[in-house]
Amino acid sequence: MAKPLIQLALDSLDFDQTVSLAEKTAPYVDIFEIGTPCIKHNGIELVKTLREKFPDKLILVDLKTMDAGEYEAAPFYAAGADICTVLGVSGLPTISGVIKAAQAHGGEAQIDLINVEDKVACARAAAELGAQIIGVHTGLDAQAAGQTPFADLQAIADLGLDVRISVAGGIKPATIDQVVKAGADIIVVGAAIYGAPCPATAAKEIRDLVDGKAPAPDSSTDANIIGTPHQTLIINKIHSILEATGDDLPVKLTHMLDNAKRVYISGAGRSGLVGRFFAMRLMHSGYDVSVVGEIVTPSIKKGDLLIVISGSGETEQLIAFTKKAREVGAQICLITAKSGSTIGDMADEVILIGRPDQYSKVVGMPMGTVFELSTLSFLEALVSHLIHEKGIAEEVMRYRHANLE
């Protein structure tokens, strides 16, 4: 019996992060799946890019086609996809159209049984039409509700159809042995790899498990799962932003902090809350720090430092604060998501968190969430840098902490 193929679900909306993850895991993966949100966001160019970079890998485009099967799938096969998916609930005419497109381009069609009521009947009908792969799939929302694909996998495997069976839905190292024994030909892994501290290491572990080279870990000690798919989405996005943030920026900001007589922190809305978190830790670290807007905040003077946290760099109130600081000769540092802005033009230093092109819409991280959480992480890491560089003991920080609370 042939060993199952490993398919990595590339679910990020970030184009560069998707390609980077593929590069890191390529030695251990057989199929790169461009997930549905990913292909909707990035389009056919991502298919072409992965095809060019990985000519020896299979490329699956998870279109989840619901209508116009041949018309929708054909361009993706032409761009280099080996496999496209069509929903089992779409009906036999649509399924037949995707199969026809696959045959025209020497590819394969996968029928996704997600939300199909009678999965056995659908699998049989699709196989008769010429489908090459049947996908047993428990979606993200169903996973969050505690569902797994294992019972459905066993039911489809027991049919003995002349197709390959793909299984997806919360697969992790602890369940690899179970899906292999149940008869899966393709094992789809997502968060267990892309949510791991080191995706390449996680991919290698799963490769070894599939190849029978390592014992399956106990599920209670599985360290490769960060949490829910939504937690993984957030963590991976923040990771990609910080990865694109200049390594020299913490040193520059530390230099400005150390050369300032006093430090002032300003921000609006949720960015303002991030600023308060940072101000508190600066106080714990021994800096003379104030939050702009508090009634006890003293006037800013020459030699002081104003740190403005603003994703746009265009908030009117913050522009006014920056102008005042500039007038009195204070140093100004802007922490932002934009490379050019009104506040940035007045600042002595601009700390760009990530790249501007990384701030496109991310479903599940609305409005300024990406910038706010990434900035919080950047500043918390800066505090860690200060603690290690200056040898600040936690006992000293605790001594400085407020005791009227």
Protein backbone atom coordinates (compact mmCIF):
# COMPACT_ATOMS: atom_id res chain seq x y z
CA MET A 1 0.00 0.00 0.00
CA ALA A 2 1.36 3.41 -1.03
CA LYS A 3 2.11 5.86 1.73
CA PRO A 4 -0.35 8.76 1.98
CA LEU A 5 0.53 12.13 0.52
CA ILE A 6 0.80 15.14 2.82
CA GLN A 7 -1.16 18.21 1.76
CA LEU A 8 -0.47 21.55 3.43
CA ALA A 9 -3.39 23.98 3.63
CA LEU A 10 -2.10 27.47 2.86
CA ASP A 11 -4.85 29.54 4.47
CA SER A 12 -3.20 32.93 5.02
CA LEU A 13 -4.49 35.90 3.03
CA ASP A 14 -0.98 37.35 2.89
CA PHE A 15 0.65 36.54 -0.48
CA ASP A 16 4.26 36.73 0.72
CA GLN A 17 3.57 34.81 3.91
CA THR A 18 1.93 32.05 1.87
CA VAL A 19 4.94 31.71 -0.43
CA SER A 20 7.33 31.86 2.53
CA LEU A 21 5.48 29.07 4.35
CA ALA A 22 5.58 26.93 1.21
CA GLU A 23 9.34 27.45 0.90
CA LYS A 24 9.94 26.46 4.52
CA THR A 25 7.88 23.26 4.35
CA ALA A 26 8.51 22.11 0.77
CA PRO A 27 10.92 19.26 1.66
CA TYR A 28 8.21 17.51 3.68
CA VAL A 29 5.01 18.23 1.73
CA ASP A 30 3.61 16.61 -1.43
CA ILE A 31 0.68 18.92 -2.20
CA PHE A 32 0.32 22.64 -1.64
CA GLU A 33 -3.31 23.58 -1.17
CA ILE A 34 -4.24 27.18 -1.84
CA GLY A 35 -7.11 27.50 0.63
CA THR A 36 -10.43 29.06 -0.31
CA PRO A 37 -9.94 32.41 1.48
CA CYS A 38 -6.38 32.55 0.16
CA ILE A 39 -7.32 31.99 -3.50
CA LYS A 40 -10.23 34.42 -3.27
CA HIS A 41 -7.94 37.09 -1.89
CA ASN A 42 -4.84 36.53 -4.01
CA GLY A 43 -6.26 35.15 -7.25
CA ILE A 44 -4.66 33.23 -10.05
CA GLU A 45 -1.25 34.92 -9.70
CA LEU A 46 -0.58 32.86 -6.58
CA VAL A 47 -1.19 29.67 -8.57
CA LYS A 48 1.32 30.79 -11.18
CA THR A 49 3.88 31.76 -8.54
CA LEU A 50 3.68 28.46 -6.69
CA ARG A 51 3.76 26.51 -9.97
CA GLU A 52 6.95 28.32 -11.00
CA LYS A 53 8.64 27.94 -7.62
CA PHE A 54 7.63 24.32 -7.01
CA PRO A 55 7.49 22.46 -10.33
CA ASP A 56 7.79 19.10 -8.55
CA LYS A 57 4.86 19.65 -6.18
CA LEU A 58 1.16 19.11 -6.77
CA ILE A 59 -0.88 22.33 -6.55
CA LEU A 60 -4.48 22.09 -5.34
CA VAL A 61 -6.76 25.11 -5.65
CA ASP A 62 -9.59 24.87 -3.16
CA LEU A 63 -12.20 26.66 -5.26
CA LYS A 64 -15.16 24.91 -3.62
CA THR A 65 -17.02 25.52 -6.88
CA MET A 66 -20.79 25.71 -6.51
CA ASP A 67 -21.85 26.55 -10.07
CA ALA A 68 -20.45 26.92 -13.61
CA GLY A 69 -17.98 24.12 -12.92
CA GLU A 70 -16.02 23.91 -16.16
CA TYR A 71 -16.00 27.68 -16.70
CA GLU A 72 -14.71 28.43 -13.21
CA ALA A 73 -12.12 25.66 -12.92
CA ALA A 74 -10.55 25.77 -16.40
CA PRO A 75 -8.46 28.97 -15.91
CA PHE A 76 -6.90 27.57 -12.74
CA TYR A 77 -5.93 24.31 -14.39
CA ALA A 78 -4.48 26.34 -17.25
CA ALA A 79 -2.46 28.41 -14.76
CA GLY A 80 -0.81 25.32 -13.33
CA ALA A 81 -3.22 23.74 -10.85
CA ASP A 82 -3.13 19.96 -10.70
CA ILE A 83 -6.30 19.64 -8.64
CA CYS A 84 -9.38 21.83 -8.19
CA THR A 85 -12.18 21.22 -5.73
CA VAL A 86 -15.91 21.28 -6.35
CA LEU A 87 -18.56 21.04 -3.65
CA GLY A 88 -20.54 17.83 -3.48
CA VAL A 89 -23.65 19.87 -2.69
CA SER A 90 -23.32 21.68 -6.03
CA GLY A 91 -24.99 18.84 -7.91
CA LEU A 92 -23.86 16.39 -10.58
CA PRO A 93 -23.88 18.82 -13.56
CA THR A 94 -21.45 21.18 -11.81
CA ILE A 95 -19.29 18.30 -10.63
CA SER A 96 -19.22 16.94 -14.17
CA GLY A 97 -18.07 20.34 -15.48
CA VAL A 98 -15.06 20.46 -13.15
CA ILE A 99 -14.16 16.87 -14.08
CA LYS A 100 -14.32 17.83 -17.76
CA ALA A 101 -12.00 20.82 -17.16
CA ALA A 102 -9.58 18.59 -15.25
CA GLN A 103 -9.48 16.02 -18.04
CA ALA A 104 -8.86 18.74 -20.64
CA HIS A 105 -5.75 19.90 -18.78
CA GLY A 106 -4.45 16.58 -17.51
CA GLY A 107 -5.50 17.39 -13.97
CA GLU A 108 -7.73 15.89 -11.30
CA ALA A 109 -11.04 16.91 -9.75
CA GLN A 110 -11.70 16.59 -6.04
CA ILE A 111 -15.23 16.40 -4.72
CA ASP A 112 -15.54 18.07 -1.32
CA LEU A 113 -18.16 16.38 0.86
CA ILE A 114 -18.41 19.25 3.33
CA ASN A 115 -22.06 19.73 4.38
CA VAL A 116 -23.26 16.91 2.09
CA GLU A 117 -26.08 15.09 3.87
CA ASP A 118 -25.66 11.71 2.18
CA LYS A 119 -21.90 11.51 1.76
CA VAL A 120 -21.87 7.87 0.66
CA ALA A 121 -24.31 8.46 -2.20
CA CYS A 122 -22.50 11.60 -3.34
CA ALA A 123 -19.12 9.84 -3.32
CA ARG A 124 -20.50 6.95 -5.40
CA ALA A 125 -22.10 9.28 -7.96
CA ALA A 126 -18.98 11.43 -8.26
CA ALA A 127 -16.77 8.38 -8.76
CA GLU A 128 -19.07 7.17 -11.56
CA LEU A 129 -18.67 10.56 -13.26
CA GLY A 130 -14.88 10.16 -13.21
CA ALA A 131 -13.83 12.09 -10.14
CA GLN A 132 -10.34 11.09 -9.03
CA ILE A 133 -10.41 12.34 -5.41
CA ILE A 134 -13.11 12.36 -2.76
CA GLY A 135 -12.53 14.88 0.00
CA VAL A 136 -13.78 14.07 3.50
CA HIS A 137 -13.77 17.50 5.07
CA THR A 138 -14.74 18.92 8.44
CA GLY A 139 -14.68 22.70 8.02
CA LEU A 140 -13.24 25.29 10.41
CA ASP A 141 -16.60 26.22 11.90
CA ALA A 142 -17.49 22.55 12.45
CA GLN A 143 -14.06 21.95 14.03
CA ALA A 144 -14.70 24.83 16.40
CA ALA A 145 -17.90 23.04 17.40
CA GLY A 146 -15.90 19.88 18.20
CA GLN A 147 -16.58 17.80 15.06
CA THR A 148 -13.97 15.53 13.43
CA PRO A 149 -13.78 13.81 10.01
CA PHE A 150 -12.86 10.31 11.21
CA ALA A 151 -16.27 8.59 11.08
CA ASP A 152 -16.97 9.92 7.58
CA LEU A 153 -13.49 8.86 6.45
CA GLN A 154 -14.13 5.30 7.55
CA ALA A 155 -17.51 5.23 5.81
CA ILE A 156 -16.09 6.41 2.47
CA ALA A 157 -13.05 4.12 2.72
CA ASP A 158 -15.34 1.13 3.27
CA LEU A 159 -17.00 1.75 -0.13
CA GLY A 160 -13.89 0.53 -1.97
CA LEU A 161 -14.26 3.12 -4.75
CA ASP A 162 -11.57 3.55 -7.40
CA VAL A 163 -10.65 6.99 -6.11
CA ARG A 164 -8.15 8.54 -3.73
CA ILE A 165 -9.55 9.73 -0.43
CA SER A 166 -8.45 13.03 1.06
CA VAL A 167 -9.16 13.84 4.71
CA ALA A 168 -9.13 17.32 6.26
CA GLY A 169 -10.25 18.79 9.53
CA GLY A 170 -8.08 19.35 12.59
CA ILE A 171 -5.47 16.73 11.65
CA LYS A 172 -2.46 16.85 13.99
CA PRO A 173 0.44 14.54 14.93
CA ALA A 174 -1.62 12.69 17.51
CA THR A 175 -4.22 11.66 14.89
CA ILE A 176 -1.94 10.82 11.94
CA ASP A 177 -1.84 7.11 12.75
CA GLN A 178 -5.64 7.01 12.98
CA VAL A 179 -6.22 8.53 9.54
CA VAL A 180 -3.53 6.37 7.92
CA LYS A 181 -5.10 3.19 9.31
CA ALA A 182 -8.57 4.36 8.24
CA GLY A 183 -7.44 4.43 4.61
CA ALA A 184 -6.67 8.08 3.79
CA ASP A 185 -4.61 8.57 0.62
CA ILE A 186 -4.11 12.29 1.17
CA ILE A 187 -3.75 13.82 4.62
CA VAL A 188 -4.50 17.54 4.76
CA VAL A 189 -2.74 19.42 7.55
CA GLY A 190 -3.25 23.07 8.36
CA ALA A 191 -2.86 24.63 11.80
CA ALA A 192 -0.65 21.79 13.07
CA ILE A 193 2.00 23.09 10.65
CA TYR A 194 1.34 26.78 10.00
CA GLY A 195 0.42 27.39 13.64
CA ALA A 196 3.54 25.71 15.01
CA PRO A 197 6.47 27.72 16.44
CA CYS A 198 8.57 26.27 13.60
CA PRO A 199 6.43 25.16 10.62
CA ALA A 200 9.33 23.30 8.99
CA THR A 201 9.94 21.23 12.13
CA ALA A 202 6.22 20.49 12.46
CA ALA A 203 6.02 19.45 8.79
CA LYS A 204 9.02 17.14 9.22
CA GLU A 205 7.43 15.56 12.30
CA ILE A 206 4.26 14.80 10.37
CA ARG A 207 6.29 13.50 7.41
CA ASP A 208 8.13 11.13 9.73
CA LEU A 209 4.87 9.96 11.30
CA VAL A 210 3.31 9.25 7.91
CA ASP A 211 6.47 7.41 6.83
CA GLY A 212 6.47 5.40 10.05
CA LYS A 213 9.74 6.88 11.32
CA ALA A 214 8.53 8.27 14.63
CA PRO A 215 6.00 7.35 17.32
CA ALA A 216 2.78 9.36 17.45
CA PRO A 217 2.86 11.83 20.33
CA ASP A 218 0.28 11.82 23.08
CA SER A 219 -2.43 14.36 22.22
CA SER A 220 -2.24 15.88 25.69
CA THR A 221 1.37 16.94 25.08
CA ASP A 222 1.06 18.02 21.48
CA ALA A 223 2.87 21.37 21.35
CA ASN A 224 2.31 22.12 17.66
CA ILE A 225 -1.27 23.35 18.00
CA ILE A 226 -1.61 26.98 18.98
CA GLY A 227 -5.35 26.84 19.54
CA THR A 228 -8.41 27.40 17.40
CA PRO A 229 -8.07 28.25 13.69
CA HIS A 230 -9.04 31.84 14.50
CA GLN A 231 -6.30 32.11 17.11
CA THR A 232 -3.86 30.73 14.58
CA LEU A 233 -5.00 33.28 11.97
CA ILE A 234 -4.25 36.15 14.35
CA ILE A 235 -0.92 34.81 15.55
CA ASN A 236 0.31 34.12 12.02
CA LYS A 237 -0.69 37.57 10.81
CA ILE A 238 1.13 39.26 13.67
CA HIS A 239 4.15 37.04 12.98
CA SER A 240 4.24 38.08 9.32
CA ILE A 241 4.04 41.77 10.26
CA LEU A 242 6.84 41.55 12.83
CA GLU A 243 8.95 39.50 10.43
CA ALA A 244 8.76 42.39 7.96
CA THR A 245 9.60 45.02 10.61
CA GLY A 246 13.18 46.31 10.60
CA ASP A 247 15.48 44.56 13.08
CA ASP A 248 17.26 47.85 13.77
CA LEU A 249 14.13 49.69 14.93
CA PRO A 250 14.15 48.52 18.58
CA VAL A 251 17.73 49.77 18.91
CA LYS A 252 16.81 53.14 17.40
CA LEU A 253 13.83 53.57 19.70
CA THR A 254 15.89 52.54 22.72
CA HIS A 255 18.48 55.18 21.81
CA MET A 256 15.76 57.85 21.65
CA LEU A 257 14.33 56.74 25.01
CA ASP A 258 17.73 56.81 26.69
CA ASN A 259 18.57 60.27 25.37
CA ALA A 260 15.26 61.88 26.33
CA LYS A 261 14.78 63.80 29.57
CA ARG A 262 11.16 62.68 29.75
CA VAL A 263 8.95 60.48 27.57
CA TYR A 264 5.39 61.25 26.45
CA ILE A 265 3.11 58.61 24.87
CA SER A 266 0.17 59.52 22.68
CA GLY A 267 -2.39 57.57 20.67
CA ALA A 268 -6.10 57.57 19.90
CA GLY A 269 -8.64 54.81 20.49
CA ARG A 270 -7.22 51.30 20.73
CA SER A 271 -3.78 52.58 19.70
CA GLY A 272 -4.00 54.81 22.76
CA LEU A 273 -4.59 51.74 24.92
CA VAL A 274 -1.50 50.12 23.41
CA GLY A 275 0.37 53.30 24.30
CA ARG A 276 -0.79 53.07 27.92
CA PHE A 277 0.46 49.48 28.15
CA PHE A 278 3.85 50.65 26.85
CA ALA A 279 3.96 53.68 29.17
CA MET A 280 3.34 51.50 32.21
CA ARG A 281 6.22 49.18 31.35
CA LEU A 282 8.52 52.15 30.66
CA MET A 283 7.69 53.45 34.12
CA HIS A 284 8.49 50.03 35.57
CA SER A 285 11.80 50.16 33.68
CA GLY A 286 12.78 53.46 35.29
CA TYR A 287 11.85 56.02 32.64
CA ASP A 288 10.12 59.32 33.44
CA VAL A 289 7.02 58.76 31.33
CA SER A 290 3.63 60.46 30.93
CA VAL A 291 0.52 59.69 28.89
CA VAL A 292 -0.72 62.65 26.85
CA GLY A 293 -4.24 63.72 27.83
CA GLU A 294 -4.06 62.92 31.53
CA ILE A 295 -4.79 65.96 33.74
CA VAL A 296 -1.52 65.46 35.64
CA THR A 297 0.64 65.29 32.49
CA PRO A 298 3.22 68.11 32.58
CA SER A 299 4.04 70.35 29.63
CA ILE A 300 6.46 68.96 27.09
CA LYS A 301 9.82 70.72 26.72
CA LYS A 302 12.93 70.69 24.59
CA GLY A 303 14.87 67.49 25.19
CA ASP A 304 11.75 65.43 25.82
CA LEU A 305 10.49 62.66 23.53
CA LEU A 306 6.95 62.34 22.16
CA ILE A 307 6.04 58.86 20.91
CA VAL A 308 2.92 58.89 18.72
CA ILE A 309 1.16 55.62 17.91
CA SER A 310 -1.01 56.05 14.82
CA GLY A 311 -1.63 53.54 12.05
CA SER A 312 -2.52 56.26 9.55
CA GLY A 313 -0.37 59.08 10.86
CA GLU A 314 -3.26 61.40 10.02
CA THR A 315 -5.37 61.62 13.22
CA GLU A 316 -6.11 65.34 13.66
CA GLN A 317 -5.68 65.47 17.43
CA LEU A 318 -2.35 63.65 17.20
CA ILE A 319 -1.22 66.00 14.44
CA ALA A 320 -1.91 68.91 16.81
CA PHE A 321 0.10 67.25 19.60
CA THR A 322 2.97 66.63 17.18
CA LYS A 323 3.01 70.24 15.99
CA LYS A 324 3.19 71.49 19.59
CA ALA A 325 6.03 69.11 20.42
CA ARG A 326 7.90 70.23 17.32
CA GLU A 327 7.42 73.88 18.23
CA VAL A 328 9.06 73.45 21.64
CA GLY A 329 11.95 71.39 20.27
CA ALA A 330 11.01 67.96 21.56
CA GLN A 331 12.04 64.82 19.69
CA ILE A 332 9.23 62.99 17.91
CA CYS A 333 8.90 59.28 17.09
CA LEU A 334 5.95 57.97 15.08
CA ILE A 335 4.96 54.31 15.25
CA THR A 336 2.79 53.66 12.20
CA ALA A 337 1.63 51.41 9.39
CA LYS A 338 2.13 53.99 6.61
CA SER A 339 5.41 54.99 5.02
CA GLY A 340 4.25 58.56 4.40
CA SER A 341 1.96 60.75 6.52
CA THR A 342 1.51 64.21 8.00
CA ILE A 343 2.86 63.17 11.40
CA GLY A 344 5.65 61.18 9.76
CA ASP A 345 6.81 64.28 7.89
CA MET A 346 7.26 66.06 11.24
CA ALA A 347 8.84 63.14 13.09
CA ASP A 348 12.52 62.65 13.78
CA GLU A 349 12.08 58.89 13.52
CA VAL A 350 9.37 56.73 11.92
CA ILE A 351 8.96 53.18 13.19
CA LEU A 352 7.18 51.33 10.39
CA ILE A 353 5.45 48.21 11.73
CA GLY A 354 5.54 45.74 8.86
CA ARG A 355 4.99 46.91 5.28
CA PRO A 356 2.08 49.06 4.07
CA ASP A 357 1.00 46.36 1.58
CA GLN A 358 0.42 43.92 4.48
CA TYR A 359 -2.53 45.91 5.79
CA SER A 360 -5.17 44.82 3.31
CA LYS A 361 -8.48 43.62 4.72
CA VAL A 362 -8.27 40.47 6.85
CA VAL A 363 -11.61 38.86 7.67
CA GLY A 364 -11.68 38.34 11.43
CA MET A 365 -9.21 41.14 12.18
CA PRO A 366 -11.35 44.22 11.54
CA MET A 367 -10.32 47.84 11.08
CA GLY A 368 -7.07 48.57 12.94
CA THR A 369 -6.67 45.22 14.69
CA VAL A 370 -3.65 44.08 12.66
CA PHE A 371 -1.71 47.28 13.41
CA GLU A 372 -2.76 47.49 17.05
CA LEU A 373 -1.87 43.90 17.96
CA SER A 374 1.34 43.98 15.94
CA THR A 375 2.39 47.24 17.60
CA LEU A 376 1.57 45.85 21.04
CA SER A 377 3.75 42.82 20.30
CA PHE A 378 6.56 45.00 18.94
CA LEU A 379 6.54 47.22 22.04
CA GLU A 380 6.33 44.27 24.45
CA ALA A 381 9.37 42.81 22.69
CA LEU A 382 11.10 46.19 23.06
CA VAL A 383 10.44 46.10 26.81
CA SER A 384 11.97 42.63 26.88
CA HIS A 385 14.97 44.07 25.03
CA LEU A 386 15.30 46.84 27.62
CA ILE A 387 15.09 44.35 30.49
CA HIS A 388 17.84 42.16 29.07
CA GLU A 389 20.08 44.98 27.84
CA LYS A 390 19.92 46.93 31.10
CA GLY A 391 19.66 44.00 33.47
CA ILE A 392 16.43 45.28 35.05
CA ALA A 393 15.35 42.84 37.75
CA GLU A 394 11.65 42.02 37.99
CA GLU A 395 11.84 42.77 41.71
CA VAL A 396 12.86 46.33 40.85
CA MET A 397 10.02 46.68 38.38
CA ARG A 398 7.58 45.32 40.93
CA TYR A 399 8.89 47.83 43.52
CA ARG A 400 8.08 50.68 41.11
CA HIS A 401 4.58 49.37 40.44
CA ALA A 402 1.65 51.36 41.82
CA ASN A 403 0.76 50.48 45.41
CA LEU A 404 -2.36 52.64 45.66
CA GLU A 405 -4.71 50.23 43.92
